[in-house]
Amino acid sequence: LVDIQRLRELEGEQATASSRIIGAR
């Protein structure tokens, strides 16, 4: 098991006019 709880870079969310990126966390 690889625990990604500490990886804050995966908590982000970004929206543009044509897309949305939602982090895994």
PDB file of all heavy atoms in Angstrom:
ATOM      1  N   LEU A   1       0.861  -1.182   0.000  1.00  0.00           N
ATOM      2  CA  LEU A   1       0.000   0.000   0.000  1.00  0.00           C
ATOM      3  C   LEU A   1       0.895   1.228   0.000  1.00  0.00           C
ATOM      4  O   LEU A   1       1.777   1.365   0.856  1.00  0.00           O
ATOM      5  CB  LEU A   1      -0.897   0.045   1.232  1.00  0.00           C
ATOM      6  CG  LEU A   1      -2.055  -0.921   1.280  1.00  0.00           C
ATOM      7  CD1 LEU A   1      -2.904  -0.645   2.522  1.00  0.00           C
ATOM      8  CD2 LEU A   1      -2.910  -0.837   0.040  1.00  0.00           C
ATOM      9  N   VAL A   2       0.666   2.110  -0.964  1.00  0.00           N
ATOM     10  CA  VAL A   2       1.406   3.353  -1.052  1.00  0.00           C
ATOM     11  C   VAL A   2       0.448   4.458  -0.625  1.00  0.00           C
ATOM     12  O   VAL A   2      -0.485   4.802  -1.350  1.00  0.00           O
ATOM     13  CB  VAL A   2       1.942   3.593  -2.482  1.00  0.00           C
ATOM     14  CG1 VAL A   2       2.687   4.922  -2.551  1.00  0.00           C
ATOM     15  CG2 VAL A   2       2.847   2.441  -2.913  1.00  0.00           C
ATOM     16  N   ASP A   3       0.664   4.992   0.570  1.00  0.00           N
ATOM     17  CA  ASP A   3      -0.220   5.990   1.164  1.00  0.00           C
ATOM     18  C   ASP A   3       0.157   7.372   0.650  1.00  0.00           C
ATOM     19  O   ASP A   3       1.257   7.857   0.895  1.00  0.00           O
ATOM     20  CB  ASP A   3      -0.088   5.931   2.686  1.00  0.00           C
ATOM     21  CG  ASP A   3      -1.118   6.768   3.405  1.00  0.00           C
ATOM     22  OD1 ASP A   3      -1.727   7.665   2.783  1.00  0.00           O
ATOM     23  OD2 ASP A   3      -1.303   6.535   4.613  1.00  0.00           O
ATOM     24  N   ILE A   4      -0.776   8.023  -0.044  1.00  0.00           N
ATOM     25  CA  ILE A   4      -0.506   9.343  -0.620  1.00  0.00           C
ATOM     26  C   ILE A   4      -1.081  10.478   0.230  1.00  0.00           C
ATOM     27  O   ILE A   4      -1.168  11.616  -0.226  1.00  0.00           O
ATOM     28  CB  ILE A   4      -1.008   9.429  -2.081  1.00  0.00           C
ATOM     29  CG1 ILE A   4      -2.520   9.221  -2.163  1.00  0.00           C
ATOM     30  CG2 ILE A   4      -0.248   8.448  -2.961  1.00  0.00           C
ATOM     31  CD1 ILE A   4      -3.111   9.517  -3.531  1.00  0.00           C
ATOM     32  N   GLN A   5      -1.439  10.196   1.473  1.00  0.00           N
ATOM     33  CA  GLN A   5      -2.010  11.213   2.361  1.00  0.00           C
ATOM     34  C   GLN A   5      -1.147  12.463   2.487  1.00  0.00           C
ATOM     35  O   GLN A   5      -1.679  13.558   2.604  1.00  0.00           O
ATOM     36  CB  GLN A   5      -2.216  10.632   3.768  1.00  0.00           C
ATOM     37  CG  GLN A   5      -3.473   9.861   3.950  1.00  0.00           C
ATOM     38  CD  GLN A   5      -4.695  10.756   4.005  1.00  0.00           C
ATOM     39  OE1 GLN A   5      -4.650  11.883   4.474  1.00  0.00           O
ATOM     40  NE2 GLN A   5      -5.779  10.244   3.501  1.00  0.00           N
ATOM     41  N   ARG A   6       0.147  12.323   2.491  1.00  0.00           N
ATOM     42  CA  ARG A   6       1.031  13.472   2.705  1.00  0.00           C
ATOM     43  C   ARG A   6       1.315  14.264   1.431  1.00  0.00           C
ATOM     44  O   ARG A   6       1.957  15.310   1.491  1.00  0.00           O
ATOM     45  CB  ARG A   6       2.347  13.000   3.317  1.00  0.00           C
ATOM     46  CG  ARG A   6       2.141  12.359   4.659  1.00  0.00           C
ATOM     47  CD  ARG A   6       3.373  11.924   5.377  1.00  0.00           C
ATOM     48  NE  ARG A   6       4.589  11.807   4.610  1.00  0.00           N
ATOM     49  CZ  ARG A   6       5.727  11.354   5.096  1.00  0.00           C
ATOM     50  NH1 ARG A   6       5.799  10.981   6.352  1.00  0.00           N
ATOM     51  NH2 ARG A   6       6.798  11.260   4.348  1.00  0.00           N
ATOM     52  N   LEU A   7       0.838  13.816   0.303  1.00  0.00           N
ATOM     53  CA  LEU A   7       1.172  14.459  -0.973  1.00  0.00           C
ATOM     54  C   LEU A   7       0.175  15.573  -1.281  1.00  0.00           C
ATOM     55  O   LEU A   7      -0.809  15.396  -1.998  1.00  0.00           O
ATOM     56  CB  LEU A   7       1.210  13.421  -2.092  1.00  0.00           C
ATOM     57  CG  LEU A   7       2.140  12.230  -1.840  1.00  0.00           C
ATOM     58  CD1 LEU A   7       2.155  11.298  -3.036  1.00  0.00           C
ATOM     59  CD2 LEU A   7       3.536  12.699  -1.486  1.00  0.00           C
ATOM     60  N   ARG A   8       0.438  16.736  -0.732  1.00  0.00           N
ATOM     61  CA  ARG A   8      -0.481  17.879  -0.852  1.00  0.00           C
ATOM     62  C   ARG A   8      -0.678  18.331  -2.303  1.00  0.00           C
ATOM     63  O   ARG A   8      -1.701  18.913  -2.628  1.00  0.00           O
ATOM     64  CB  ARG A   8       0.015  19.049  -0.005  1.00  0.00           C
ATOM     65  CG  ARG A   8       0.109  18.722   1.477  1.00  0.00           C
ATOM     66  CD  ARG A   8      -1.278  18.499   2.053  1.00  0.00           C
ATOM     67  NE  ARG A   8      -1.175  18.100   3.454  1.00  0.00           N
ATOM     68  CZ  ARG A   8      -1.794  17.042   3.964  1.00  0.00           C
ATOM     69  NH1 ARG A   8      -2.554  16.291   3.220  1.00  0.00           N
ATOM     70  NH2 ARG A   8      -1.668  16.745   5.227  1.00  0.00           N
ATOM     71  N   GLU A   9       0.288  18.057  -3.171  1.00  0.00           N
ATOM     72  CA  GLU A   9       0.141  18.474  -4.566  1.00  0.00           C
ATOM     73  C   GLU A   9      -1.000  17.737  -5.276  1.00  0.00           C
ATOM     74  O   GLU A   9      -1.439  18.147  -6.337  1.00  0.00           O
ATOM     75  CB  GLU A   9       1.447  18.317  -5.337  1.00  0.00           C
ATOM     76  CG  GLU A   9       1.966  16.897  -5.445  1.00  0.00           C
ATOM     77  CD  GLU A   9       3.037  16.555  -4.423  1.00  0.00           C
ATOM     78  OE1 GLU A   9       2.862  16.870  -3.235  1.00  0.00           O
ATOM     79  OE2 GLU A   9       4.051  15.965  -4.834  1.00  0.00           O
ATOM     80  N   LEU A  10      -1.523  16.670  -4.677  1.00  0.00           N
ATOM     81  CA  LEU A  10      -2.641  15.927  -5.265  1.00  0.00           C
ATOM     82  C   LEU A  10      -3.988  16.394  -4.732  1.00  0.00           C
ATOM     83  O   LEU A  10      -5.014  15.799  -5.023  1.00  0.00           O
ATOM     84  CB  LEU A  10      -2.465  14.431  -5.004  1.00  0.00           C
ATOM     85  CG  LEU A  10      -1.210  13.803  -5.595  1.00  0.00           C
ATOM     86  CD1 LEU A  10      -1.127  12.331  -5.227  1.00  0.00           C
ATOM     87  CD2 LEU A  10      -1.186  13.984  -7.101  1.00  0.00           C
ATOM     88  N   GLU A  11      -4.006  17.479  -3.966  1.00  0.00           N
ATOM     89  CA  GLU A  11      -5.255  18.012  -3.411  1.00  0.00           C
ATOM     90  C   GLU A  11      -5.806  19.166  -4.226  1.00  0.00           C
ATOM     91  O   GLU A  11      -6.852  19.701  -3.914  1.00  0.00           O
ATOM     92  CB  GLU A  11      -5.025  18.492  -1.974  1.00  0.00           C
ATOM     93  CG  GLU A  11      -4.729  17.378  -1.020  1.00  0.00           C
ATOM     94  CD  GLU A  11      -4.457  17.881   0.385  1.00  0.00           C
ATOM     95  OE1 GLU A  11      -4.484  19.114   0.608  1.00  0.00           O
ATOM     96  OE2 GLU A  11      -4.217  17.038   1.252  1.00  0.00           O
ATOM     97  N   GLY A  12      -5.107  19.564  -5.254  1.00  0.00           N
ATOM     98  CA  GLY A  12      -5.497  20.741  -6.007  1.00  0.00           C
ATOM     99  C   GLY A  12      -6.651  20.517  -6.966  1.00  0.00           C
ATOM    100  O   GLY A  12      -7.026  19.398  -7.288  1.00  0.00           O
ATOM    101  N   GLU A  13      -7.186  21.636  -7.394  1.00  0.00           N
ATOM    102  CA  GLU A  13      -8.253  21.638  -8.393  1.00  0.00           C
ATOM    103  C   GLU A  13      -8.058  22.887  -9.239  1.00  0.00           C
ATOM    104  O   GLU A  13      -7.794  23.968  -8.714  1.00  0.00           O
ATOM    105  CB  GLU A  13      -9.604  21.671  -7.697  1.00  0.00           C
ATOM    106  CG  GLU A  13     -10.753  21.619  -8.639  1.00  0.00           C
ATOM    107  CD  GLU A  13     -12.091  21.743  -7.922  1.00  0.00           C
ATOM    108  OE1 GLU A  13     -12.142  21.677  -6.689  1.00  0.00           O
ATOM    109  OE2 GLU A  13     -13.071  21.928  -8.646  1.00  0.00           O
ATOM    110  N   GLN A  14      -8.171  22.716 -10.546  1.00  0.00           N
ATOM    111  CA  GLN A  14      -8.028  23.845 -11.462  1.00  0.00           C
ATOM    112  C   GLN A  14      -9.128  23.771 -12.502  1.00  0.00           C
ATOM    113  O   GLN A  14      -9.440  22.689 -13.005  1.00  0.00           O
ATOM    114  CB  GLN A  14      -6.689  23.807 -12.195  1.00  0.00           C
ATOM    115  CG  GLN A  14      -5.492  24.032 -11.325  1.00  0.00           C
ATOM    116  CD  GLN A  14      -4.216  23.908 -12.144  1.00  0.00           C
ATOM    117  OE1 GLN A  14      -4.037  22.970 -12.898  1.00  0.00           O
ATOM    118  NE2 GLN A  14      -3.333  24.883 -11.976  1.00  0.00           N
ATOM    119  N   ALA A  15      -9.693  24.907 -12.824  1.00  0.00           N
ATOM    120  CA  ALA A  15     -10.713  24.968 -13.866  1.00  0.00           C
ATOM    121  C   ALA A  15     -10.314  26.009 -14.894  1.00  0.00           C
ATOM    122  O   ALA A  15      -9.816  27.080 -14.548  1.00  0.00           O
ATOM    123  CB  ALA A  15     -12.061  25.307 -13.263  1.00  0.00           C
ATOM    124  N   THR A  16     -10.504  25.656 -16.159  1.00  0.00           N
ATOM    125  CA  THR A  16     -10.330  26.613 -17.248  1.00  0.00           C
ATOM    126  C   THR A  16     -11.631  26.638 -18.026  1.00  0.00           C
ATOM    127  O   THR A  16     -12.592  25.940 -17.676  1.00  0.00           O
ATOM    128  CB  THR A  16      -9.168  26.200 -18.178  1.00  0.00           C
ATOM    129  OG1 THR A  16      -9.540  25.003 -18.871  1.00  0.00           O
ATOM    130  CG2 THR A  16      -7.883  25.976 -17.399  1.00  0.00           C
ATOM    131  N   ALA A  17     -11.658  27.397 -19.082  1.00  0.00           N
ATOM    132  CA  ALA A  17     -12.873  27.470 -19.898  1.00  0.00           C
ATOM    133  C   ALA A  17     -13.204  26.137 -20.545  1.00  0.00           C
ATOM    134  O   ALA A  17     -14.371  25.850 -20.817  1.00  0.00           O
ATOM    135  CB  ALA A  17     -12.709  28.553 -20.964  1.00  0.00           C
ATOM    136  N   SER A  18     -12.192  25.291 -20.773  1.00  0.00           N
ATOM    137  CA  SER A  18     -12.450  24.045 -21.495  1.00  0.00           C
ATOM    138  C   SER A  18     -12.127  22.766 -20.726  1.00  0.00           C
ATOM    139  O   SER A  18     -12.316  21.680 -21.252  1.00  0.00           O
ATOM    140  CB  SER A  18     -11.656  24.045 -22.805  1.00  0.00           C
ATOM    141  OG  SER A  18     -10.272  24.121 -22.524  1.00  0.00           O
ATOM    142  N   SER A  19     -11.630  22.894 -19.489  1.00  0.00           N
ATOM    143  CA  SER A  19     -11.271  21.673 -18.760  1.00  0.00           C
ATOM    144  C   SER A  19     -11.318  21.892 -17.256  1.00  0.00           C
ATOM    145  O   SER A  19     -11.363  23.018 -16.778  1.00  0.00           O
ATOM    146  CB  SER A  19      -9.875  21.206 -19.162  1.00  0.00           C
ATOM    147  OG  SER A  19      -8.901  22.118 -18.691  1.00  0.00           O
ATOM    148  N   ARG A  20     -11.268  20.791 -16.551  1.00  0.00           N
ATOM    149  CA  ARG A  20     -11.162  20.822 -15.085  1.00  0.00           C
ATOM    150  C   ARG A  20     -10.211  19.715 -14.683  1.00  0.00           C
ATOM    151  O   ARG A  20     -10.345  18.583 -15.126  1.00  0.00           O
ATOM    152  CB  ARG A  20     -12.509  20.621 -14.435  1.00  0.00           C
ATOM    153  CG  ARG A  20     -12.335  20.389 -12.937  1.00  0.00           C
ATOM    154  CD  ARG A  20     -13.511  20.705 -12.090  1.00  0.00           C
ATOM    155  NE  ARG A  20     -13.664  22.135 -11.976  1.00  0.00           N
ATOM    156  CZ  ARG A  20     -14.838  22.739 -12.002  1.00  0.00           C
ATOM    157  NH1 ARG A  20     -15.933  22.059 -12.146  1.00  0.00           N
ATOM    158  NH2 ARG A  20     -14.924  24.036 -11.879  1.00  0.00           N
ATOM    159  N   ILE A  21      -9.268  20.047 -13.824  1.00  0.00           N
ATOM    160  CA  ILE A  21      -8.335  19.078 -13.270  1.00  0.00           C
ATOM    161  C   ILE A  21      -8.670  18.951 -11.793  1.00  0.00           C
ATOM    162  O   ILE A  21      -8.669  19.946 -11.065  1.00  0.00           O
ATOM    163  CB  ILE A  21      -6.876  19.533 -13.455  1.00  0.00           C
ATOM    164  CG1 ILE A  21      -6.550  19.662 -14.933  1.00  0.00           C
ATOM    165  CG2 ILE A  21      -5.920  18.563 -12.760  1.00  0.00           C
ATOM    166  CD1 ILE A  21      -5.223  20.330 -15.222  1.00  0.00           C
ATOM    167  N   ILE A  22      -8.962  17.717 -11.361  1.00  0.00           N
ATOM    168  CA  ILE A  22      -9.281  17.450  -9.963  1.00  0.00           C
ATOM    169  C   ILE A  22      -8.226  16.485  -9.445  1.00  0.00           C
ATOM    170  O   ILE A  22      -8.069  15.383  -9.965  1.00  0.00           O
ATOM    171  CB  ILE A  22     -10.689  16.847  -9.819  1.00  0.00           C
ATOM    172  CG1 ILE A  22     -11.730  17.811 -10.374  1.00  0.00           C
ATOM    173  CG2 ILE A  22     -10.984  16.501  -8.358  1.00  0.00           C
ATOM    174  CD1 ILE A  22     -13.132  17.242 -10.450  1.00  0.00           C
ATOM    175  N   GLY A  23      -7.517  16.892  -8.414  1.00  0.00           N
ATOM    176  CA  GLY A  23      -6.466  16.061  -7.834  1.00  0.00           C
ATOM    177  C   GLY A  23      -7.028  14.793  -7.221  1.00  0.00           C
ATOM    178  O   GLY A  23      -8.166  14.756  -6.743  1.00  0.00           O
ATOM    179  N   ALA A  24      -6.231  13.750  -7.223  1.00  0.00           N
ATOM    180  CA  ALA A  24      -6.656  12.451  -6.712  1.00  0.00           C
ATOM    181  C   ALA A  24      -7.057  12.494  -5.247  1.00  0.00           C
ATOM    182  O   ALA A  24      -7.896  11.716  -4.803  1.00  0.00           O
ATOM    183  CB  ALA A  24      -5.533  11.426  -6.905  1.00  0.00           C
ATOM    184  N   ARG A  25      -6.501  13.419  -4.459  1.00  0.00           N
ATOM    185  CA  ARG A  25      -6.798  13.485  -3.025  1.00  0.00           C
ATOM    186  C   ARG A  25      -7.942  14.437  -2.677  1.00  0.00           C
ATOM    187  O   ARG A  25      -8.252  14.623  -1.507  1.00  0.00           O
ATOM    188  CB  ARG A  25      -5.543  13.895  -2.253  1.00  0.00           C
ATOM    189  CG  ARG A  25      -4.530  12.781  -2.194  1.00  0.00           C
ATOM    190  CD  ARG A  25      -3.585  12.817  -1.027  1.00  0.00           C
ATOM    191  NE  ARG A  25      -3.778  13.778   0.028  1.00  0.00           N
ATOM    192  CZ  ARG A  25      -4.666  13.663   1.028  1.00  0.00           C
ATOM    193  NH1 ARG A  25      -5.484  12.664   1.093  1.00  0.00           N
ATOM    194  NH2 ARG A  25      -4.730  14.587   1.965  1.00  0.00           N
TER     195      ARG A  25
END
